[in-house]
């Protein structure tokens, strides 16, 4: 599944990609049948898109960061560090008992 499909939905039947980069005055037309999507860039800026063409254009231009994806990565990182901490504690369990006896 491509990022465009994941964020914008399936490509419409008979979709023709418009070369917007050659027209700096291009105006996207709202599609009343398209549900509005919110996209983010890597700096956290957001934009609302009102058509598949607009969404595909932004995603192809690097807008695809999603707070949900970022939260998943954060959760995976936290889980990784918890597992490492538990392994560290279990590995040094006997040594920790020794230090606890000395301190008490």
C-alpha atoms as a PDB file:
ATOM      1  CA  UNK A   1       0.000   0.000   0.000  1.00  0.00           C
ATOM      2  CA  UNK A   2       1.472   3.327  -1.029  1.00  0.00           C
ATOM      3  CA  UNK A   3       1.547   6.355   1.245  1.00  0.00           C
ATOM      4  CA  UNK A   4      -0.851   8.164  -1.107  1.00  0.00           C
ATOM      5  CA  UNK A   5      -3.357   5.323  -0.835  1.00  0.00           C
ATOM      6  CA  UNK A   6      -2.906   5.123   2.927  1.00  0.00           C
ATOM      7  CA  UNK A   7      -3.443   8.848   3.537  1.00  0.00           C
ATOM      8  CA  UNK A   8      -5.709   9.888   0.644  1.00  0.00           C
ATOM      9  CA  UNK A   9      -7.687   6.743  -0.109  1.00  0.00           C
ATOM     10  CA  UNK A  10      -7.868   4.648  -3.229  1.00  0.00           C
ATOM     11  CA  UNK A  11      -7.088   6.279  -6.575  1.00  0.00           C
ATOM     12  CA  UNK A  12     -10.343   7.270  -8.267  1.00  0.00           C
ATOM     13  CA  UNK A  13     -11.328   5.448 -11.431  1.00  0.00           C
ATOM     14  CA  UNK A  14      -9.889   7.206 -14.508  1.00  0.00           C
ATOM     15  CA  UNK A  15      -7.607   9.373 -12.329  1.00  0.00           C
ATOM     16  CA  UNK A  16      -5.283  11.555 -14.396  1.00  0.00           C
ATOM     17  CA  UNK A  17      -2.358  13.106 -12.535  1.00  0.00           C
ATOM     18  CA  UNK A  18      -2.161  16.831 -13.242  1.00  0.00           C
ATOM     19  CA  UNK A  19       1.314  18.369 -13.558  1.00  0.00           C
ATOM     20  CA  UNK A  20       0.743  21.189 -11.080  1.00  0.00           C
ATOM     21  CA  UNK A  21       4.421  22.079 -10.763  1.00  0.00           C
ATOM     22  CA  UNK A  22       4.308  23.768 -14.188  1.00  0.00           C
ATOM     23  CA  UNK A  23       1.443  26.048 -13.144  1.00  0.00           C
ATOM     24  CA  UNK A  24       2.215  28.190 -10.060  1.00  0.00           C
ATOM     25  CA  UNK A  25      -1.313  29.685 -10.236  1.00  0.00           C
ATOM     26  CA  UNK A  26      -3.077  26.314 -10.144  1.00  0.00           C
ATOM     27  CA  UNK A  27      -6.195  26.324  -7.955  1.00  0.00           C
ATOM     28  CA  UNK A  28      -7.451  23.033  -6.566  1.00  0.00           C
ATOM     29  CA  UNK A  29     -11.174  22.445  -6.969  1.00  0.00           C
ATOM     30  CA  UNK A  30     -13.116  21.082  -4.007  1.00  0.00           C
ATOM     31  CA  UNK A  31     -14.640  17.671  -4.538  1.00  0.00           C
ATOM     32  CA  UNK A  32     -17.925  17.440  -2.604  1.00  0.00           C
ATOM     33  CA  UNK A  33     -17.695  13.617  -2.731  1.00  0.00           C
ATOM     34  CA  UNK A  34     -14.248  13.609  -1.079  1.00  0.00           C
ATOM     35  CA  UNK A  35     -14.012  13.650   2.698  1.00  0.00           C
ATOM     36  CA  UNK A  36     -11.609  16.317   3.936  1.00  0.00           C
ATOM     37  CA  UNK A  37      -8.223  15.000   5.063  1.00  0.00           C
ATOM     38  CA  UNK A  38      -5.681  16.667   7.297  1.00  0.00           C
ATOM     39  CA  UNK A  39      -2.011  16.240   6.390  1.00  0.00           C
ATOM     40  CA  UNK A  40       1.109  17.216   8.308  1.00  0.00           C
ATOM     41  CA  UNK A  41       4.651  17.951   7.253  1.00  0.00           C
ATOM     42  CA  UNK A  42       7.739  16.936   9.214  1.00  0.00           C
ATOM     43  CA  UNK A  43       7.673  20.212  11.158  1.00  0.00           C
ATOM     44  CA  UNK A  44       4.105  19.693  12.347  1.00  0.00           C
ATOM     45  CA  UNK A  45       2.483  22.190   9.959  1.00  0.00           C
ATOM     46  CA  UNK A  46      -0.941  21.058   8.832  1.00  0.00           C
ATOM     47  CA  UNK A  47      -3.081  21.474   5.755  1.00  0.00           C
ATOM     48  CA  UNK A  48      -6.620  20.396   4.962  1.00  0.00           C
ATOM     49  CA  UNK A  49      -7.171  18.929   1.506  1.00  0.00           C
ATOM     50  CA  UNK A  50     -10.544  18.826  -0.214  1.00  0.00           C
ATOM     51  CA  UNK A  51      -9.930  16.557  -3.200  1.00  0.00           C
ATOM     52  CA  UNK A  52      -7.965  13.470  -4.089  1.00  0.00           C
ATOM     53  CA  UNK A  53      -5.889  15.482  -6.574  1.00  0.00           C
ATOM     54  CA  UNK A  54      -4.902  17.961  -3.879  1.00  0.00           C
ATOM     55  CA  UNK A  55      -4.158  15.207  -1.369  1.00  0.00           C
ATOM     56  CA  UNK A  56      -2.066  13.258  -3.873  1.00  0.00           C
ATOM     57  CA  UNK A  57      -0.153  16.427  -4.761  1.00  0.00           C
ATOM     58  CA  UNK A  58       0.695  17.218  -1.126  1.00  0.00           C
ATOM     59  CA  UNK A  59       1.627  13.633  -0.222  1.00  0.00           C
ATOM     60  CA  UNK A  60       3.826  13.379  -3.338  1.00  0.00           C
ATOM     61  CA  UNK A  61       5.489  16.619  -2.203  1.00  0.00           C
ATOM     62  CA  UNK A  62       6.454  15.205   1.192  1.00  0.00           C
ATOM     63  CA  UNK A  63       3.358  15.880   3.276  1.00  0.00           C
ATOM     64  CA  UNK A  64       2.693  12.564   4.855  1.00  0.00           C
ATOM     65  CA  UNK A  65       3.775  12.848   8.414  1.00  0.00           C
ATOM     66  CA  UNK A  66       1.001  11.637  10.665  1.00  0.00           C
ATOM     67  CA  UNK A  67       0.821  12.159  14.424  1.00  0.00           C
ATOM     68  CA  UNK A  68      -0.691   8.673  14.674  1.00  0.00           C
ATOM     69  CA  UNK A  69       2.342   7.143  12.975  1.00  0.00           C
ATOM     70  CA  UNK A  70       4.635   9.205  15.189  1.00  0.00           C
ATOM     71  CA  UNK A  71       2.785   7.972  18.289  1.00  0.00           C
ATOM     72  CA  UNK A  72       3.240   4.380  17.134  1.00  0.00           C
ATOM     73  CA  UNK A  73       6.978   4.949  16.752  1.00  0.00           C
ATOM     74  CA  UNK A  74       7.121   6.596  20.185  1.00  0.00           C
ATOM     75  CA  UNK A  75       5.282   3.623  21.730  1.00  0.00           C
ATOM     76  CA  UNK A  76       7.686   1.188  20.062  1.00  0.00           C
ATOM     77  CA  UNK A  77      10.660   3.157  21.404  1.00  0.00           C
ATOM     78  CA  UNK A  78       9.261   3.183  24.944  1.00  0.00           C
ATOM     79  CA  UNK A  79       8.497  -0.527  24.750  1.00  0.00           C
ATOM     80  CA  UNK A  80      12.044  -1.212  23.537  1.00  0.00           C
ATOM     81  CA  UNK A  81      13.573   0.684  26.476  1.00  0.00           C
ATOM     82  CA  UNK A  82      11.313  -1.090  28.958  1.00  0.00           C
ATOM     83  CA  UNK A  83      12.412  -4.459  27.600  1.00  0.00           C
ATOM     84  CA  UNK A  84      16.083  -3.404  27.791  1.00  0.00           C
ATOM     85  CA  UNK A  85      15.586  -2.207  31.384  1.00  0.00           C
ATOM     86  CA  UNK A  86      13.929  -5.487  32.372  1.00  0.00           C
ATOM     87  CA  UNK A  87      16.729  -7.484  30.772  1.00  0.00           C
ATOM     88  CA  UNK A  88      19.296  -5.348  32.560  1.00  0.00           C
ATOM     89  CA  UNK A  89      17.566  -5.843  35.900  1.00  0.00           C
ATOM     90  CA  UNK A  90      17.213  -9.599  35.430  1.00  0.00           C
ATOM     91  CA  UNK A  91      20.848  -9.918  34.361  1.00  0.00           C
ATOM     92  CA  UNK A  92      22.167  -7.959  37.333  1.00  0.00           C
ATOM     93  CA  UNK A  93      19.580  -9.243  39.820  1.00  0.00           C
ATOM     94  CA  UNK A  94      22.108 -11.069  41.990  1.00  0.00           C
ATOM     95  CA  UNK A  95      24.462  -8.109  42.060  1.00  0.00           C
ATOM     96  CA  UNK A  96      21.584  -5.819  42.991  1.00  0.00           C
ATOM     97  CA  UNK A  97      20.674  -8.103  45.917  1.00  0.00           C
ATOM     98  CA  UNK A  98      24.269  -7.879  47.109  1.00  0.00           C
ATOM     99  CA  UNK A  99      24.212  -4.052  47.069  1.00  0.00           C
ATOM    100  CA  UNK A 100      20.845  -3.974  48.828  1.00  0.00           C
ATOM    101  CA  UNK A 101      22.267  -6.152  51.635  1.00  0.00           C
ATOM    102  CA  UNK A 102      25.261  -3.844  52.004  1.00  0.00           C
ATOM    103  CA  UNK A 103      23.093  -0.725  52.199  1.00  0.00           C
ATOM    104  CA  UNK A 104      20.730  -2.253  54.779  1.00  0.00           C
END
